[in-house]
Amino acid sequence: MRNHAAFIWSVAGLLWGGLQAIRVRRVILPLVVLRRLDCVLDPTKTAVLARCQAIKGKVENIDPVLEQTAGSQFFNTR
């Protein structure tokens, strides 16, 4: 396990170069959160996109409809 972690950090060092470690954390954490949200929304994304296209222009506030389709208070239409 340590070899994997060392390898990952060495690749990160190559990618980020001389960027300070604190700055790397400020960039990586938001990207990890966004990726996690994307993974959570993945199972309902197709249904949400289809529903969005079906009601676009017909319903003034589509957010409640898409929230119901997604089964949560947030959804992804992109």
Protein backbone atom coordinates (compact mmCIF):
# COMPACT_ATOMS: atom_id res chain seq x y z
CA MET A 1 0.00 0.00 0.00
CA ARG A 2 2.84 2.40 0.78
CA ASN A 3 4.32 1.83 -2.67
CA HIS A 4 1.02 2.84 -4.27
CA ALA A 5 0.76 5.98 -2.16
CA ALA A 6 4.37 6.92 -2.90
CA PHE A 7 3.77 6.39 -6.62
CA ILE A 8 0.63 8.54 -6.57
CA TRP A 9 2.43 11.35 -4.75
CA SER A 10 5.37 11.15 -7.15
CA VAL A 11 3.01 11.50 -10.11
CA ALA A 12 1.28 14.40 -8.36
CA GLY A 13 4.69 16.01 -7.88
CA LEU A 14 5.41 15.69 -11.59
CA LEU A 15 2.03 17.12 -12.55
CA TRP A 16 2.06 20.01 -10.12
CA GLY A 17 5.76 20.80 -10.33
CA GLY A 18 6.88 23.50 -7.92
CA LEU A 19 3.40 24.34 -6.69
CA GLN A 20 3.30 24.51 -2.91
CA ALA A 21 1.60 21.60 -1.14
CA ILE A 22 -1.03 23.82 0.47
CA ARG A 23 -2.04 25.14 -2.95
CA VAL A 24 -2.30 21.61 -4.33
CA ARG A 25 -4.72 20.73 -1.53
CA ARG A 26 -6.82 23.80 -2.33
CA VAL A 27 -7.14 22.61 -5.92
CA ILE A 28 -7.47 18.86 -5.37
CA LEU A 29 -10.16 18.93 -2.68
CA PRO A 30 -12.73 20.83 -4.76
CA LEU A 31 -12.03 18.54 -7.72
CA VAL A 32 -12.52 15.46 -5.55
CA VAL A 33 -15.81 16.86 -4.23
CA LEU A 34 -17.02 17.62 -7.75
CA ARG A 35 -16.08 14.14 -8.92
CA ARG A 36 -17.88 12.58 -5.97
CA LEU A 37 -21.02 14.57 -6.73
CA ASP A 38 -20.79 13.45 -10.35
CA CYS A 39 -20.59 9.81 -9.23
CA VAL A 40 -23.57 10.21 -6.89
CA LEU A 41 -25.67 11.79 -9.65
CA ASP A 42 -24.66 9.30 -12.34
CA PRO A 43 -27.47 6.73 -11.79
CA THR A 44 -30.20 9.35 -12.37
CA LYS A 45 -28.46 11.55 -14.92
CA THR A 46 -30.03 9.95 -18.01
CA ALA A 47 -33.53 10.19 -16.56
CA VAL A 48 -32.98 13.79 -15.47
CA LEU A 49 -31.67 14.80 -18.89
CA ALA A 50 -34.61 13.13 -20.64
CA ARG A 51 -37.13 14.75 -18.29
CA CYS A 52 -35.44 18.13 -18.70
CA GLN A 53 -35.74 17.94 -22.49
CA ALA A 54 -39.36 16.78 -22.25
CA ILE A 55 -40.52 19.70 -20.07
CA LYS A 56 -38.19 22.44 -21.28
CA GLY A 57 -40.28 25.44 -22.32
CA LYS A 58 -43.48 23.88 -20.97
CA VAL A 59 -42.90 24.36 -17.26
CA GLU A 60 -41.75 27.67 -15.81
CA ASN A 61 -39.84 26.26 -12.81
CA ILE A 62 -38.37 22.89 -13.76
CA ASP A 63 -36.25 22.50 -10.62
CA PRO A 64 -38.90 20.72 -8.47
CA VAL A 65 -39.67 18.31 -11.31
CA LEU A 66 -36.01 17.47 -11.85
CA GLU A 67 -35.43 17.12 -8.09
CA GLN A 68 -38.24 14.58 -7.98
CA THR A 69 -36.80 12.75 -10.98
CA ALA A 70 -33.34 12.68 -9.39
CA GLY A 71 -34.70 11.70 -5.98
CA SER A 72 -32.62 14.38 -4.29
CA GLN A 73 -32.38 18.12 -3.88
CA PHE A 74 -29.70 18.41 -6.53
CA PHE A 75 -29.33 17.19 -10.09
CA ASN A 76 -27.08 17.58 -13.11
CA THR A 77 -28.33 18.75 -16.49
CA ARG A 78 -24.90 19.05 -18.15
